[in-house]
Amino acid sequence: MSKEKRLSYTISNTYSTLNDHSENTKTVWLVLHGIGYLSRYFIRHFNHLDPENYIIAPQAQSKYYLNGEYRHMGASWLTRENLEAEIENVLEYLDAVFDAEDLSNVENLNILGYSQGVSIATRFVARRRIKCTNLIMHSGKVPQELDHSDFKFLNETNFHFIYGTEDEYLKEGIIKVEESRLKDIFGDQIQIHTFEGGHEPNQEIIQKIAKMS
């Protein structure tokens, strides 16, 4: 009879940064990519921000070849397999990034999740009780286990939901349900931003939020 056993071990992983973290830094961003990205490519979507923005893009650990062609690489944060254990693995990695960049002492922190990264960003904020200036949920859904009580400690945070009106993964019925749920979770604090386009990061809205920070 086969058995599945569990063990713990130490691994290393990378993350990417953009601009310098210095006395001139106004805002620090922690940005979590979607499925199929590598952080060094995802971070390019923030090249348009002023250098006073310091960008940190963590890297999902589960890497794979895209389209079965063994040429281009992508990565995924989670699957349904061993979900709770994998969530904790990801959060421990983000803890390490948080400590390495000394983010607990940052006054103006924006956390953005894109697509699958929304589930990681919101779980990290909720489970680790991370205070931030803006929590930005871009083209993805908040995990079902999270509710209003998980974010009550963020009484000074601005919440943003961004999506494209032609997003193939967020059809009209899904959007209506998600917008209703976001209002239940975040109340009147949620700001909803739409743009004409599909499942893609929107630099114009990101720039708008950056200027508000």
C-alpha atoms as a PDB file:
ATOM      1  CA  MET A   1       0.000   0.000   0.000  1.00  0.00           C
ATOM      2  CA  SER A   2       1.440   3.383  -0.965  1.00  0.00           C
ATOM      3  CA  LYS A   3       1.657   6.249   1.510  1.00  0.00           C
ATOM      4  CA  GLU A   4       2.204   9.959   1.035  1.00  0.00           C
ATOM      5  CA  LYS A   5       4.513  11.473   3.629  1.00  0.00           C
ATOM      6  CA  ARG A   6       5.487  15.060   4.328  1.00  0.00           C
ATOM      7  CA  LEU A   7       8.823  16.645   5.212  1.00  0.00           C
ATOM      8  CA  SER A   8      10.321  20.132   5.462  1.00  0.00           C
ATOM      9  CA  TYR A   9      13.459  21.404   3.774  1.00  0.00           C
ATOM     10  CA  THR A  10      15.079  24.718   2.878  1.00  0.00           C
ATOM     11  CA  ILE A  11      15.072  26.098  -0.667  1.00  0.00           C
ATOM     12  CA  SER A  12      16.151  29.372  -2.267  1.00  0.00           C
ATOM     13  CA  ASN A  13      14.270  31.530  -4.735  1.00  0.00           C
ATOM     14  CA  THR A  14      14.744  34.815  -6.580  1.00  0.00           C
ATOM     15  CA  TYR A  15      12.770  38.055  -6.760  1.00  0.00           C
ATOM     16  CA  SER A  16      13.126  41.127  -8.968  1.00  0.00           C
ATOM     17  CA  THR A  17      13.389  44.834  -8.169  1.00  0.00           C
ATOM     18  CA  LEU A  18      13.085  48.023 -10.197  1.00  0.00           C
ATOM     19  CA  ASN A  19      14.656  51.408  -9.302  1.00  0.00           C
ATOM     20  CA  ASP A  20      16.632  52.078  -6.122  1.00  0.00           C
ATOM     21  CA  HIS A  21      15.346  52.085  -2.578  1.00  0.00           C
ATOM     22  CA  SER A  22      16.844  55.301  -1.220  1.00  0.00           C
ATOM     23  CA  GLU A  23      16.025  58.452   0.695  1.00  0.00           C
ATOM     24  CA  ASN A  24      14.291  59.668  -2.482  1.00  0.00           C
ATOM     25  CA  THR A  25      11.865  56.756  -2.537  1.00  0.00           C
ATOM     26  CA  LYS A  26       8.278  57.862  -2.024  1.00  0.00           C
ATOM     27  CA  THR A  27       6.396  54.584  -2.450  1.00  0.00           C
ATOM     28  CA  VAL A  28       7.359  50.918  -2.258  1.00  0.00           C
ATOM     29  CA  TRP A  29       5.338  48.435  -4.317  1.00  0.00           C
ATOM     30  CA  LEU A  30       5.072  44.696  -3.729  1.00  0.00           C
ATOM     31  CA  VAL A  31       3.647  43.313  -6.988  1.00  0.00           C
ATOM     32  CA  LEU A  32       2.575  39.699  -7.458  1.00  0.00           C
ATOM     33  CA  HIS A  33       2.455  38.355 -10.995  1.00  0.00           C
ATOM     34  CA  GLY A  34      -0.160  36.143 -12.605  1.00  0.00           C
ATOM     35  CA  ILE A  35       0.106  32.582 -13.843  1.00  0.00           C
ATOM     36  CA  GLY A  36       2.571  32.111 -16.705  1.00  0.00           C
ATOM     37  CA  TYR A  37       4.859  34.998 -15.754  1.00  0.00           C
ATOM     38  CA  LEU A  38       8.393  35.255 -14.461  1.00  0.00           C
ATOM     39  CA  SER A  39       8.946  38.192 -12.121  1.00  0.00           C
ATOM     40  CA  ARG A  40      11.730  39.714 -14.247  1.00  0.00           C
ATOM     41  CA  TYR A  41       9.257  40.084 -17.127  1.00  0.00           C
ATOM     42  CA  PHE A  42       6.234  41.057 -15.073  1.00  0.00           C
ATOM     43  CA  ILE A  43       8.130  43.926 -13.441  1.00  0.00           C
ATOM     44  CA  ARG A  44       8.481  45.588 -16.857  1.00  0.00           C
ATOM     45  CA  HIS A  45       4.818  46.594 -16.597  1.00  0.00           C
ATOM     46  CA  PHE A  46       5.961  49.133 -13.981  1.00  0.00           C
ATOM     47  CA  ASN A  47       8.750  50.744 -16.007  1.00  0.00           C
ATOM     48  CA  HIS A  48       6.527  53.777 -16.621  1.00  0.00           C
ATOM     49  CA  LEU A  49       6.411  54.746 -12.935  1.00  0.00           C
ATOM     50  CA  ASP A  50       8.671  57.516 -11.683  1.00  0.00           C
ATOM     51  CA  PRO A  51      11.962  56.425 -10.048  1.00  0.00           C
ATOM     52  CA  GLU A  52      10.547  57.528  -6.676  1.00  0.00           C
ATOM     53  CA  ASN A  53       8.620  54.252  -6.837  1.00  0.00           C
ATOM     54  CA  TYR A  54      10.613  51.190  -5.742  1.00  0.00           C
ATOM     55  CA  ILE A  55       9.115  48.001  -7.163  1.00  0.00           C
ATOM     56  CA  ILE A  56       9.565  44.500  -5.726  1.00  0.00           C
ATOM     57  CA  ALA A  57       8.269  41.533  -7.742  1.00  0.00           C
ATOM     58  CA  PRO A  58       8.410  38.172  -5.936  1.00  0.00           C
ATOM     59  CA  GLN A  59       8.793  35.023  -8.035  1.00  0.00           C
ATOM     60  CA  ALA A  60       6.365  32.102  -7.874  1.00  0.00           C
ATOM     61  CA  GLN A  61       8.340  28.948  -7.159  1.00  0.00           C
ATOM     62  CA  SER A  62       6.552  26.463  -9.443  1.00  0.00           C
ATOM     63  CA  LYS A  63       8.090  26.995 -12.877  1.00  0.00           C
ATOM     64  CA  TYR A  64       7.182  25.230 -16.102  1.00  0.00           C
ATOM     65  CA  TYR A  65       7.604  25.454 -19.872  1.00  0.00           C
ATOM     66  CA  LEU A  66       4.864  27.413 -21.634  1.00  0.00           C
ATOM     67  CA  ASN A  67       2.805  25.894 -24.464  1.00  0.00           C
ATOM     68  CA  GLY A  68       4.716  22.618 -24.269  1.00  0.00           C
ATOM     69  CA  GLU A  69       7.457  23.990 -26.527  1.00  0.00           C
ATOM     70  CA  TYR A  70      10.347  23.843 -24.015  1.00  0.00           C
ATOM     71  CA  ARG A  71      11.426  27.371 -24.911  1.00  0.00           C
ATOM     72  CA  HIS A  72       9.719  30.002 -22.756  1.00  0.00           C
ATOM     73  CA  MET A  73       9.276  29.689 -19.015  1.00  0.00           C
ATOM     74  CA  GLY A  74       6.379  30.672 -16.798  1.00  0.00           C
ATOM     75  CA  ALA A  75       5.398  30.060 -13.197  1.00  0.00           C
ATOM     76  CA  SER A  76       2.379  29.421 -11.005  1.00  0.00           C
ATOM     77  CA  TRP A  77       1.809  30.282  -7.357  1.00  0.00           C
ATOM     78  CA  LEU A  78      -0.640  27.549  -6.384  1.00  0.00           C
ATOM     79  CA  THR A  79      -2.836  24.677  -7.509  1.00  0.00           C
ATOM     80  CA  ARG A  80      -5.580  22.824  -5.635  1.00  0.00           C
ATOM     81  CA  GLU A  81      -3.073  20.091  -4.721  1.00  0.00           C
ATOM     82  CA  ASN A  82      -2.105  20.323  -1.016  1.00  0.00           C
ATOM     83  CA  LEU A  83      -3.542  23.838  -1.064  1.00  0.00           C
ATOM     84  CA  GLU A  84      -3.142  24.836   2.583  1.00  0.00           C
ATOM     85  CA  ALA A  85       0.433  23.581   2.766  1.00  0.00           C
ATOM     86  CA  GLU A  86       1.304  25.362  -0.478  1.00  0.00           C
ATOM     87  CA  ILE A  87      -0.286  28.595   0.723  1.00  0.00           C
ATOM     88  CA  GLU A  88       1.918  28.495   3.808  1.00  0.00           C
ATOM     89  CA  ASN A  89       5.005  27.793   1.665  1.00  0.00           C
ATOM     90  CA  VAL A  90       4.247  30.866  -0.447  1.00  0.00           C
ATOM     91  CA  LEU A  91       3.565  33.044   2.606  1.00  0.00           C
ATOM     92  CA  GLU A  92       6.828  31.985   4.222  1.00  0.00           C
ATOM     93  CA  TYR A  93       8.655  32.961   1.036  1.00  0.00           C
ATOM     94  CA  LEU A  94       6.907  36.361   1.051  1.00  0.00           C
ATOM     95  CA  ASP A  95       7.842  36.737   4.726  1.00  0.00           C
ATOM     96  CA  ALA A  96      11.463  36.293   3.667  1.00  0.00           C
ATOM     97  CA  VAL A  97      11.136  38.918   0.911  1.00  0.00           C
ATOM     98  CA  PHE A  98       9.422  41.252   3.380  1.00  0.00           C
ATOM     99  CA  ASP A  99      12.278  40.849   5.857  1.00  0.00           C
ATOM    100  CA  ALA A 100      15.052  41.087   3.237  1.00  0.00           C
ATOM    101  CA  GLU A 101      13.660  44.417   2.017  1.00  0.00           C
ATOM    102  CA  ASP A 102      12.824  45.630   5.545  1.00  0.00           C
ATOM    103  CA  LEU A 103       9.267  46.432   4.499  1.00  0.00           C
ATOM    104  CA  SER A 104       7.912  46.534   8.040  1.00  0.00           C
ATOM    105  CA  ASN A 105       9.466  50.004   8.327  1.00  0.00           C
ATOM    106  CA  VAL A 106       7.992  51.363   5.086  1.00  0.00           C
ATOM    107  CA  GLU A 107       5.416  54.111   5.582  1.00  0.00           C
ATOM    108  CA  ASN A 108       3.940  54.088   2.067  1.00  0.00           C
ATOM    109  CA  LEU A 109       3.470  50.522   0.810  1.00  0.00           C
ATOM    110  CA  ASN A 110       1.310  49.478  -2.138  1.00  0.00           C
ATOM    111  CA  ILE A 111       0.505  45.794  -2.618  1.00  0.00           C
ATOM    112  CA  LEU A 112      -0.733  44.711  -6.032  1.00  0.00           C
ATOM    113  CA  GLY A 113      -1.862  41.300  -7.190  1.00  0.00           C
ATOM    114  CA  TYR A 114      -2.475  40.606 -10.865  1.00  0.00           C
ATOM    115  CA  SER A 115      -4.650  37.672 -11.996  1.00  0.00           C
ATOM    116  CA  GLN A 116      -3.593  34.644  -9.886  1.00  0.00           C
ATOM    117  CA  GLY A 117      -1.490  37.065  -7.862  1.00  0.00           C
ATOM    118  CA  VAL A 118      -4.699  38.561  -6.393  1.00  0.00           C
ATOM    119  CA  SER A 119      -5.224  35.384  -4.361  1.00  0.00           C
ATOM    120  CA  ILE A 120      -1.658  35.600  -3.064  1.00  0.00           C
ATOM    121  CA  ALA A 121      -1.736  39.330  -2.302  1.00  0.00           C
ATOM    122  CA  THR A 122      -5.011  39.174  -0.393  1.00  0.00           C
ATOM    123  CA  ARG A 123      -4.054  36.051   1.561  1.00  0.00           C
ATOM    124  CA  PHE A 124      -0.687  37.588   2.491  1.00  0.00           C
ATOM    125  CA  VAL A 125      -2.287  40.817   3.690  1.00  0.00           C
ATOM    126  CA  ALA A 126      -5.073  39.043   5.586  1.00  0.00           C
ATOM    127  CA  ARG A 127      -3.139  36.177   7.152  1.00  0.00           C
ATOM    128  CA  ARG A 128      -0.015  38.149   8.020  1.00  0.00           C
ATOM    129  CA  ARG A 129      -1.958  41.315   8.885  1.00  0.00           C
ATOM    130  CA  ILE A 130       0.149  43.463   6.574  1.00  0.00           C
ATOM    131  CA  LYS A 131      -0.743  47.145   6.663  1.00  0.00           C
ATOM    132  CA  CYS A 132      -0.524  48.968   3.345  1.00  0.00           C
ATOM    133  CA  THR A 133      -1.573  52.247   1.748  1.00  0.00           C
ATOM    134  CA  ASN A 134      -3.230  50.620  -1.265  1.00  0.00           C
ATOM    135  CA  LEU A 135      -4.317  47.034  -1.839  1.00  0.00           C
ATOM    136  CA  ILE A 136      -4.790  46.643  -5.589  1.00  0.00           C
ATOM    137  CA  MET A 137      -6.625  43.633  -7.023  1.00  0.00           C
ATOM    138  CA  HIS A 138      -6.082  43.530 -10.788  1.00  0.00           C
ATOM    139  CA  SER A 139      -7.954  41.068 -13.035  1.00  0.00           C
ATOM    140  CA  GLY A 140      -8.365  38.373 -10.398  1.00  0.00           C
ATOM    141  CA  LYS A 141     -10.664  37.153  -7.639  1.00  0.00           C
ATOM    142  CA  VAL A 142     -10.376  37.219  -3.857  1.00  0.00           C
ATOM    143  CA  PRO A 143     -10.249  33.678  -2.399  1.00  0.00           C
ATOM    144  CA  GLN A 144     -13.541  32.366  -1.072  1.00  0.00           C
ATOM    145  CA  GLU A 145     -12.233  31.780   2.453  1.00  0.00           C
ATOM    146  CA  LEU A 146     -11.601  35.504   2.998  1.00  0.00           C
ATOM    147  CA  ASP A 147     -14.317  37.860   4.234  1.00  0.00           C
ATOM    148  CA  HIS A 148     -14.854  41.283   5.804  1.00  0.00           C
ATOM    149  CA  SER A 149     -13.403  40.242   9.168  1.00  0.00           C
ATOM    150  CA  ASP A 150     -10.019  39.440   7.565  1.00  0.00           C
ATOM    151  CA  PHE A 151      -9.492  43.068   6.528  1.00  0.00           C
ATOM    152  CA  LYS A 152     -11.078  45.000   9.386  1.00  0.00           C
ATOM    153  CA  PHE A 153      -7.627  45.950  10.722  1.00  0.00           C
ATOM    154  CA  LEU A 154      -6.964  47.999   7.557  1.00  0.00           C
ATOM    155  CA  ASN A 155      -8.930  51.095   8.485  1.00  0.00           C
ATOM    156  CA  GLU A 156      -6.646  53.468   6.550  1.00  0.00           C
ATOM    157  CA  THR A 157      -6.128  51.381   3.398  1.00  0.00           C
ATOM    158  CA  ASN A 158      -7.527  52.175  -0.046  1.00  0.00           C
ATOM    159  CA  PHE A 159      -8.861  49.126  -1.896  1.00  0.00           C
ATOM    160  CA  HIS A 160      -8.877  48.964  -5.702  1.00  0.00           C
ATOM    161  CA  PHE A 161     -10.320  46.449  -8.153  1.00  0.00           C
ATOM    162  CA  ILE A 162      -9.169  46.748 -11.784  1.00  0.00           C
ATOM    163  CA  TYR A 163     -10.420  44.758 -14.746  1.00  0.00           C
ATOM    164  CA  GLY A 164     -10.747  44.978 -18.512  1.00  0.00           C
ATOM    165  CA  THR A 165     -14.231  44.988 -20.000  1.00  0.00           C
ATOM    166  CA  GLU A 166     -13.126  42.376 -22.564  1.00  0.00           C
ATOM    167  CA  ASP A 167     -11.355  40.094 -20.085  1.00  0.00           C
ATOM    168  CA  GLU A 168     -12.000  36.527 -21.250  1.00  0.00           C
ATOM    169  CA  TYR A 169     -11.573  35.204 -17.698  1.00  0.00           C
ATOM    170  CA  LEU A 170     -13.973  37.691 -16.096  1.00  0.00           C
ATOM    171  CA  LYS A 171     -17.214  37.436 -18.021  1.00  0.00           C
ATOM    172  CA  GLU A 172     -20.137  39.718 -17.169  1.00  0.00           C
ATOM    173  CA  GLY A 173     -21.793  37.218 -14.806  1.00  0.00           C
ATOM    174  CA  ILE A 174     -18.537  36.605 -12.937  1.00  0.00           C
ATOM    175  CA  ILE A 175     -17.888  40.350 -12.635  1.00  0.00           C
ATOM    176  CA  LYS A 176     -21.325  41.029 -11.159  1.00  0.00           C
ATOM    177  CA  VAL A 177     -20.804  38.359  -8.509  1.00  0.00           C
ATOM    178  CA  GLU A 178     -17.265  39.532  -7.760  1.00  0.00           C
ATOM    179  CA  GLU A 179     -18.192  43.223  -7.507  1.00  0.00           C
ATOM    180  CA  SER A 180     -20.991  42.347  -5.077  1.00  0.00           C
ATOM    181  CA  ARG A 181     -18.624  40.235  -3.021  1.00  0.00           C
ATOM    182  CA  LEU A 182     -15.949  42.951  -2.976  1.00  0.00           C
ATOM    183  CA  LYS A 183     -18.499  45.418  -1.634  1.00  0.00           C
ATOM    184  CA  ASP A 184     -19.430  42.927   1.091  1.00  0.00           C
ATOM    185  CA  ILE A 185     -15.756  42.532   2.032  1.00  0.00           C
ATOM    186  CA  PHE A 186     -14.487  46.111   1.688  1.00  0.00           C
ATOM    187  CA  GLY A 187     -17.673  48.173   1.874  1.00  0.00           C
ATOM    188  CA  ASP A 188     -17.569  51.709   0.521  1.00  0.00           C
ATOM    189  CA  GLN A 189     -13.755  51.661   0.596  1.00  0.00           C
ATOM    190  CA  ILE A 190     -13.545  49.620  -2.624  1.00  0.00           C
ATOM    191  CA  GLN A 191     -12.793  51.618  -5.771  1.00  0.00           C
ATOM    192  CA  ILE A 192     -13.590  49.869  -9.053  1.00  0.00           C
ATOM    193  CA  HIS A 193     -11.594  50.807 -12.160  1.00  0.00           C
ATOM    194  CA  THR A 194     -12.432  49.495 -15.637  1.00  0.00           C
ATOM    195  CA  PHE A 195     -10.666  49.839 -18.970  1.00  0.00           C
ATOM    196  CA  GLU A 196     -11.337  48.788 -22.532  1.00  0.00           C
ATOM    197  CA  GLY A 197      -9.205  45.722 -22.996  1.00  0.00           C
ATOM    198  CA  GLY A 198      -8.641  42.117 -22.074  1.00  0.00           C
ATOM    199  CA  HIS A 199      -6.660  40.162 -19.508  1.00  0.00           C
ATOM    200  CA  GLU A 200      -3.625  42.409 -19.297  1.00  0.00           C
ATOM    201  CA  PRO A 201      -2.018  44.799 -16.808  1.00  0.00           C
ATOM    202  CA  ASN A 202      -3.244  48.351 -17.330  1.00  0.00           C
ATOM    203  CA  GLN A 203      -0.402  50.820 -16.923  1.00  0.00           C
ATOM    204  CA  GLU A 204      -2.618  53.901 -17.109  1.00  0.00           C
ATOM    205  CA  ILE A 205      -4.669  52.949 -14.045  1.00  0.00           C
ATOM    206  CA  ILE A 206      -1.557  51.802 -12.177  1.00  0.00           C
ATOM    207  CA  GLN A 207      -0.034  55.226 -12.898  1.00  0.00           C
ATOM    208  CA  LYS A 208      -3.182  56.931 -11.611  1.00  0.00           C
ATOM    209  CA  ILE A 209      -3.025  55.014  -8.327  1.00  0.00           C
ATOM    210  CA  ALA A 210       0.711  55.742  -8.066  1.00  0.00           C
ATOM    211  CA  LYS A 211       0.021  59.463  -8.225  1.00  0.00           C
ATOM    212  CA  MET A 212      -2.589  59.106  -5.477  1.00  0.00           C
ATOM    213  CA  SER A 213      -0.124  57.358  -3.149  1.00  0.00           C
END
